[in-house]
Structures are given as structure tokens and as C-alpha cells.
């Protein structure tokens, strides 16, 4: 793996291009420490994420192509998930389960529909 992993992940979390050390292989725990040393603590990142989402913008931020060069999309997504776990930011709000409700006419119609090969 080669690429600017920490710079790309840092940008996704903060929306800023930070002066993070280049690494040969991604180190999620090391990135969290590096971010904290630059003032981007878990609390600050969480507050930033909520502000961005309240402004109806996307978070994590889209990473510019120049920062993600050499970083595979799947690996970057997996690493972002791991970093968010370490920061305890997998979900920014917790909602209770939705309650039961009656199905409307369209939902009932869809439940009654079966493909022709079911023989009904």
C-alpha cells in the first residue's frame, strides 16, 4: 500500500489539508494521535461533523483526487470506518426503533403481489 493515507483520512474528517506525516502503511490509531496533536480531538471532530451535517452538507468530506492518489477506494473506506470506530463516531445520533403502524393501501397491494411463477 502506498499513498497519502493519513492526509486523505484527515481531510475527510476535518475538511482541511493537515500537515500529517506520510506513512508507508495506514495506521488508524496513529492517525487519531496525530490529529489530536494538531488540535483535532474526538470532541472537536464530532462537533465539526455535526455542524457540517446541520448545514446539510456531506460528512465525512469528499477527499480531493490529489490527496487520495495512490489510495484505493475500498481500502480508504475501510480505514475511514476503523478511524471512526476509534473516535467513537460511527453514528452521530441515536434514534429509537420506529414503532409499529398500519400498512397503507399501496403497501398492502405490494405484499399481495407475487411473481407469475409462484402459481397464485
N, C-alpha and C. Protein backbone atom coordinates (compact mmCIF):
# COMPACT_ATOMS: atom_id res chain seq x y z
N UNK A 1 0.84 -1.18 0.00
CA UNK A 1 0.00 0.00 0.00
C UNK A 1 0.88 1.24 0.00
N UNK A 2 0.64 2.11 -0.93
CA UNK A 2 1.33 3.39 -0.89
C UNK A 2 0.30 4.46 -1.18
N UNK A 3 0.55 5.62 -0.70
CA UNK A 3 -0.37 6.73 -0.90
C UNK A 3 -0.35 7.65 0.30
N UNK A 4 -1.12 8.67 0.21
CA UNK A 4 -1.17 9.66 1.28
C UNK A 4 -2.36 9.35 2.19
N UNK A 5 -2.33 8.20 2.80
CA UNK A 5 -3.45 7.71 3.60
C UNK A 5 -3.87 8.67 4.68
N UNK A 6 -2.95 9.10 5.51
CA UNK A 6 -3.32 9.93 6.66
C UNK A 6 -3.80 11.30 6.21
N UNK A 7 -3.20 11.86 5.17
CA UNK A 7 -3.65 13.15 4.66
C UNK A 7 -5.08 13.04 4.12
N UNK A 8 -5.35 11.96 3.39
CA UNK A 8 -6.68 11.75 2.83
C UNK A 8 -7.72 11.56 3.94
N UNK A 9 -7.40 10.73 4.92
CA UNK A 9 -8.34 10.48 6.01
C UNK A 9 -8.52 11.73 6.87
N UNK A 10 -7.44 12.45 7.12
CA UNK A 10 -7.53 13.67 7.90
C UNK A 10 -8.42 14.69 7.22
N UNK A 11 -8.30 14.81 5.90
CA UNK A 11 -9.15 15.74 5.16
C UNK A 11 -10.61 15.31 5.25
N UNK A 12 -10.86 14.03 5.10
CA UNK A 12 -12.23 13.53 5.16
C UNK A 12 -12.89 13.87 6.50
N UNK A 13 -12.12 13.81 7.56
CA UNK A 13 -12.66 14.08 8.90
C UNK A 13 -12.79 15.56 9.22
N UNK A 14 -11.84 16.38 8.73
CA UNK A 14 -11.79 17.78 9.15
C UNK A 14 -12.14 18.78 8.06
N UNK A 15 -12.03 18.37 6.81
CA UNK A 15 -12.27 19.31 5.72
C UNK A 15 -11.08 20.22 5.47
N UNK A 16 -9.95 19.92 6.10
CA UNK A 16 -8.74 20.72 5.96
C UNK A 16 -7.58 19.82 5.56
N UNK A 17 -6.68 20.36 4.74
CA UNK A 17 -5.47 19.62 4.42
C UNK A 17 -4.48 19.87 5.54
N UNK A 18 -4.25 18.85 6.33
CA UNK A 18 -3.41 18.97 7.52
C UNK A 18 -1.99 18.51 7.24
N UNK A 19 -1.05 19.01 8.03
CA UNK A 19 0.34 18.62 7.90
C UNK A 19 0.57 17.34 8.71
N UNK A 20 0.17 16.22 8.10
CA UNK A 20 0.31 14.91 8.75
C UNK A 20 1.49 14.18 8.15
N UNK A 21 2.18 13.39 8.97
CA UNK A 21 3.33 12.65 8.44
C UNK A 21 2.90 11.61 7.41
N UNK A 22 3.72 11.44 6.38
CA UNK A 22 3.45 10.40 5.39
C UNK A 22 3.83 9.06 5.99
N UNK A 23 3.03 8.06 5.71
CA UNK A 23 3.28 6.73 6.26
C UNK A 23 3.31 5.72 5.12
N UNK A 24 4.05 4.65 5.32
CA UNK A 24 4.12 3.58 4.32
C UNK A 24 2.83 2.78 4.29
N UNK A 25 2.28 2.54 5.46
CA UNK A 25 1.02 1.80 5.59
C UNK A 25 0.14 2.56 6.56
N UNK A 26 -1.16 2.56 6.32
CA UNK A 26 -2.06 3.29 7.20
C UNK A 26 -2.04 2.75 8.62
N UNK A 27 -2.15 3.66 9.57
CA UNK A 27 -2.15 3.33 10.99
C UNK A 27 -3.28 4.13 11.64
N UNK A 28 -4.49 3.57 11.71
CA UNK A 28 -5.63 4.33 12.24
C UNK A 28 -5.38 4.91 13.63
N UNK A 29 -4.81 4.12 14.54
CA UNK A 29 -4.56 4.63 15.89
C UNK A 29 -3.53 5.75 15.87
N UNK A 30 -2.51 5.61 15.05
CA UNK A 30 -1.51 6.66 14.91
C UNK A 30 -2.11 7.92 14.33
N UNK A 31 -3.03 7.78 13.38
CA UNK A 31 -3.70 8.94 12.80
C UNK A 31 -4.51 9.68 13.86
N UNK A 32 -5.24 8.94 14.68
CA UNK A 32 -6.03 9.56 15.75
C UNK A 32 -5.11 10.37 16.67
N UNK A 33 -3.96 9.81 17.01
CA UNK A 33 -2.99 10.52 17.85
C UNK A 33 -2.45 11.76 17.15
N UNK A 34 -2.12 11.62 15.85
CA UNK A 34 -1.60 12.76 15.10
C UNK A 34 -2.64 13.88 14.99
N UNK A 35 -3.88 13.50 14.77
CA UNK A 35 -4.95 14.50 14.70
C UNK A 35 -5.09 15.24 16.03
N UNK A 36 -5.06 14.49 17.13
CA UNK A 36 -5.18 15.11 18.45
C UNK A 36 -4.02 16.06 18.71
N UNK A 37 -2.83 15.71 18.26
CA UNK A 37 -1.67 16.59 18.47
C UNK A 37 -1.80 17.89 17.68
N UNK A 38 -2.62 17.87 16.62
CA UNK A 38 -2.88 19.08 15.83
C UNK A 38 -4.13 19.82 16.31
N UNK A 39 -4.70 19.36 17.43
CA UNK A 39 -5.89 20.03 17.98
C UNK A 39 -7.21 19.44 17.53
N UNK A 40 -7.17 18.43 16.67
CA UNK A 40 -8.39 17.79 16.21
C UNK A 40 -8.68 16.57 17.09
N UNK A 41 -9.21 16.84 18.27
CA UNK A 41 -9.59 15.78 19.19
C UNK A 41 -10.89 15.14 18.75
N UNK A 42 -11.24 14.05 19.40
CA UNK A 42 -12.50 13.39 19.10
C UNK A 42 -13.66 14.36 19.25
N UNK A 43 -13.66 15.16 20.30
CA UNK A 43 -14.75 16.11 20.55
C UNK A 43 -14.82 17.16 19.45
N UNK A 44 -13.67 17.67 19.06
CA UNK A 44 -13.66 18.70 18.02
C UNK A 44 -14.13 18.13 16.68
N UNK A 45 -13.71 16.93 16.36
CA UNK A 45 -14.14 16.30 15.10
C UNK A 45 -15.64 16.04 15.14
N UNK A 46 -16.15 15.55 16.28
CA UNK A 46 -17.59 15.30 16.41
C UNK A 46 -18.38 16.61 16.27
N UNK A 47 -17.92 17.68 16.91
CA UNK A 47 -18.60 18.97 16.79
C UNK A 47 -18.59 19.46 15.35
N UNK A 48 -17.44 19.31 14.69
CA UNK A 48 -17.31 19.72 13.29
C UNK A 48 -18.29 18.92 12.42
N UNK A 49 -18.34 17.62 12.64
CA UNK A 49 -19.22 16.76 11.84
C UNK A 49 -20.68 17.19 12.02
N UNK A 50 -21.09 17.46 13.24
CA UNK A 50 -22.48 17.88 13.49
C UNK A 50 -22.79 19.22 12.82
N UNK A 51 -21.85 20.15 12.86
CA UNK A 51 -22.05 21.45 12.21
C UNK A 51 -22.21 21.27 10.70
N UNK A 52 -21.37 20.45 10.12
CA UNK A 52 -21.43 20.21 8.68
C UNK A 52 -22.77 19.56 8.32
N UNK A 53 -23.18 18.58 9.09
CA UNK A 53 -24.45 17.89 8.81
C UNK A 53 -25.64 18.81 9.03
N UNK A 54 -25.59 19.67 10.05
CA UNK A 54 -26.68 20.63 10.27
C UNK A 54 -26.79 21.61 9.12
N UNK A 55 -25.68 21.92 8.47
CA UNK A 55 -25.68 22.80 7.30
C UNK A 55 -26.08 22.03 6.03
N UNK A 56 -26.51 20.78 6.21
CA UNK A 56 -26.98 19.91 5.14
C UNK A 56 -25.91 19.66 4.08
N UNK A 57 -24.68 19.51 4.55
CA UNK A 57 -23.56 19.15 3.68
C UNK A 57 -23.10 17.75 4.06
N UNK A 58 -22.27 17.17 3.22
CA UNK A 58 -21.82 15.80 3.46
C UNK A 58 -20.65 15.72 4.42
N UNK A 59 -20.71 14.72 5.29
CA UNK A 59 -19.59 14.39 6.17
C UNK A 59 -19.53 12.89 6.30
N UNK A 60 -18.40 12.28 6.25
CA UNK A 60 -17.06 12.80 6.03
C UNK A 60 -16.96 13.54 4.70
N UNK A 61 -16.04 14.49 4.64
CA UNK A 61 -15.85 15.31 3.45
C UNK A 61 -15.33 14.46 2.30
N UNK A 62 -15.69 14.88 1.08
CA UNK A 62 -15.13 14.22 -0.10
C UNK A 62 -13.66 14.60 -0.20
N UNK A 63 -12.83 13.62 -0.42
CA UNK A 63 -11.38 13.84 -0.46
C UNK A 63 -10.97 14.20 -1.89
N UNK A 64 -10.26 15.33 -2.06
CA UNK A 64 -9.81 15.70 -3.41
C UNK A 64 -8.92 14.61 -4.01
N UNK A 65 -8.95 14.52 -5.32
CA UNK A 65 -8.19 13.48 -6.03
C UNK A 65 -6.70 13.57 -5.73
N UNK A 66 -6.18 14.77 -5.55
CA UNK A 66 -4.75 14.91 -5.29
C UNK A 66 -4.36 14.26 -3.96
N UNK A 67 -5.26 14.28 -2.99
CA UNK A 67 -4.95 13.69 -1.68
C UNK A 67 -5.15 12.18 -1.66
N UNK A 68 -6.05 11.70 -2.49
CA UNK A 68 -6.32 10.26 -2.44
C UNK A 68 -5.56 9.48 -3.51
N UNK A 69 -4.68 10.16 -4.23
CA UNK A 69 -3.88 9.48 -5.25
C UNK A 69 -3.07 8.35 -4.60
N UNK A 70 -3.17 7.18 -5.16
CA UNK A 70 -2.46 6.02 -4.63
C UNK A 70 -3.21 5.31 -3.53
N UNK A 71 -4.36 5.82 -3.15
CA UNK A 71 -5.18 5.19 -2.10
C UNK A 71 -6.38 4.54 -2.78
N UNK A 72 -6.52 3.25 -2.63
CA UNK A 72 -7.66 2.55 -3.20
C UNK A 72 -8.95 2.94 -2.50
N UNK A 73 -10.03 3.04 -3.27
CA UNK A 73 -11.31 3.48 -2.71
C UNK A 73 -11.82 2.56 -1.61
N UNK A 74 -11.74 1.25 -1.84
CA UNK A 74 -12.24 0.30 -0.84
C UNK A 74 -11.41 0.34 0.43
N UNK A 75 -10.08 0.41 0.26
CA UNK A 75 -9.22 0.49 1.43
C UNK A 75 -9.45 1.78 2.20
N UNK A 76 -9.62 2.89 1.47
CA UNK A 76 -9.87 4.17 2.11
C UNK A 76 -11.18 4.14 2.90
N UNK A 77 -12.21 3.54 2.31
CA UNK A 77 -13.49 3.44 3.01
C UNK A 77 -13.38 2.57 4.26
N UNK A 78 -12.66 1.45 4.15
CA UNK A 78 -12.48 0.57 5.30
C UNK A 78 -11.70 1.27 6.41
N UNK A 79 -10.65 1.98 6.03
CA UNK A 79 -9.86 2.71 7.02
C UNK A 79 -10.67 3.82 7.67
N UNK A 80 -11.50 4.50 6.87
CA UNK A 80 -12.36 5.54 7.45
C UNK A 80 -13.29 4.94 8.49
N UNK A 81 -13.84 3.78 8.20
CA UNK A 81 -14.69 3.10 9.17
C UNK A 81 -13.94 2.78 10.45
N UNK A 82 -12.71 2.32 10.32
CA UNK A 82 -11.90 1.99 11.51
C UNK A 82 -11.56 3.24 12.31
N UNK A 83 -11.18 4.32 11.63
CA UNK A 83 -10.86 5.57 12.34
C UNK A 83 -12.11 6.10 13.05
N UNK A 84 -13.26 6.03 12.38
CA UNK A 84 -14.50 6.49 13.03
C UNK A 84 -14.83 5.64 14.25
N UNK A 85 -14.53 4.34 14.19
CA UNK A 85 -14.73 3.49 15.37
C UNK A 85 -13.82 3.94 16.51
N UNK A 86 -12.56 4.19 16.19
CA UNK A 86 -11.62 4.63 17.23
C UNK A 86 -12.03 5.97 17.85
N UNK A 87 -12.65 6.83 17.03
CA UNK A 87 -13.10 8.12 17.53
C UNK A 87 -14.50 8.05 18.14
N UNK A 88 -15.11 6.87 18.09
CA UNK A 88 -16.48 6.67 18.55
C UNK A 88 -17.44 7.58 17.79
N UNK A 89 -17.25 7.64 16.47
CA UNK A 89 -18.09 8.46 15.60
C UNK A 89 -18.75 7.64 14.50
N UNK A 90 -19.06 6.38 14.80
CA UNK A 90 -19.70 5.56 13.77
C UNK A 90 -21.11 6.07 13.48
N UNK A 91 -21.79 6.55 14.52
CA UNK A 91 -23.08 7.20 14.34
C UNK A 91 -23.05 8.50 15.13
N UNK A 92 -23.64 9.53 14.57
CA UNK A 92 -23.63 10.82 15.24
C UNK A 92 -24.91 11.08 16.02
N UNK A 93 -25.92 10.28 15.79
CA UNK A 93 -27.14 10.40 16.57
C UNK A 93 -27.75 9.01 16.74
N UNK A 94 -28.40 8.81 17.83
CA UNK A 94 -29.04 7.53 18.09
C UNK A 94 -30.54 7.76 18.13
N UNK A 95 -31.25 7.01 17.34
CA UNK A 95 -32.70 7.13 17.29
C UNK A 95 -33.32 5.86 17.84
N UNK A 96 -34.46 5.99 18.51
CA UNK A 96 -35.14 4.79 18.99
C UNK A 96 -35.74 4.04 17.81
N UNK A 97 -36.02 2.75 18.00
CA UNK A 97 -36.65 2.00 16.92
C UNK A 97 -38.02 2.59 16.59
N UNK A 98 -38.37 2.54 15.32
CA UNK A 98 -39.68 3.06 14.94
C UNK A 98 -40.76 2.11 15.46
N UNK A 99 -41.88 2.67 15.76
CA UNK A 99 -42.99 1.88 16.29
C UNK A 99 -43.77 1.21 15.18
N UNK A 100 -44.60 0.28 15.57
CA UNK A 100 -45.44 -0.40 14.58
C UNK A 100 -46.52 0.56 14.10
N UNK A 101 -46.91 0.39 12.85
CA UNK A 101 -48.01 1.17 12.30
C UNK A 101 -48.74 0.32 11.29
N UNK A 102 -49.93 0.75 10.97
CA UNK A 102 -50.71 0.03 9.96
C UNK A 102 -50.15 0.30 8.58
N UNK A 103 -50.17 -0.72 7.73
CA UNK A 103 -49.73 -0.56 6.35
C UNK A 103 -50.77 0.24 5.58
N UNK A 104 -50.30 1.08 4.65
CA UNK A 104 -51.25 1.82 3.82
C UNK A 104 -51.67 0.94 2.64
N UNK A 105 -52.58 1.43 1.82
CA UNK A 105 -53.13 0.63 0.73
C UNK A 105 -52.05 0.19 -0.26
N UNK A 106 -51.13 1.07 -0.59
CA UNK A 106 -50.07 0.70 -1.54
C UNK A 106 -49.18 -0.39 -0.97
N UNK A 107 -48.85 -0.31 0.31
CA UNK A 107 -48.00 -1.33 0.92
C UNK A 107 -48.72 -2.68 0.97
N UNK A 108 -50.01 -2.67 1.26
CA UNK A 108 -50.78 -3.92 1.26
C UNK A 108 -50.84 -4.53 -0.14
N UNK A 109 -51.03 -3.69 -1.15
CA UNK A 109 -51.07 -4.17 -2.53
C UNK A 109 -49.74 -4.83 -2.90
N UNK A 110 -48.62 -4.21 -2.52
CA UNK A 110 -47.31 -4.78 -2.83
C UNK A 110 -47.10 -6.11 -2.13
N UNK A 111 -47.59 -6.25 -0.92
CA UNK A 111 -47.46 -7.52 -0.20
C UNK A 111 -48.26 -8.64 -0.87
N UNK A 112 -49.40 -8.29 -1.50
CA UNK A 112 -50.23 -9.30 -2.15
C UNK A 112 -49.68 -9.72 -3.51
N UNK A 113 -48.83 -8.86 -4.12
CA UNK A 113 -48.28 -9.18 -5.43
C UNK A 113 -47.27 -10.32 -5.32
N UNK A 114 -47.39 -11.27 -6.25
CA UNK A 114 -46.42 -12.37 -6.31
C UNK A 114 -45.97 -12.52 -7.76
N UNK A 115 -44.79 -12.97 -7.98
CA UNK A 115 -44.33 -13.20 -9.36
C UNK A 115 -45.17 -14.29 -10.02
N UNK A 116 -45.29 -14.26 -11.34
CA UNK A 116 -46.13 -15.25 -12.06
C UNK A 116 -45.72 -16.70 -11.80
N UNK A 117 -44.46 -16.96 -11.54
CA UNK A 117 -44.03 -18.35 -11.38
C UNK A 117 -44.43 -18.93 -10.01
N UNK A 118 -45.04 -18.12 -9.12
CA UNK A 118 -45.50 -18.66 -7.85
C UNK A 118 -46.81 -19.45 -7.99
N UNK A 119 -47.47 -19.30 -9.14
CA UNK A 119 -48.68 -20.09 -9.39
C UNK A 119 -49.88 -19.60 -8.61
N UNK A 120 -49.87 -18.42 -8.07
CA UNK A 120 -51.02 -17.94 -7.32
C UNK A 120 -51.95 -17.14 -8.19
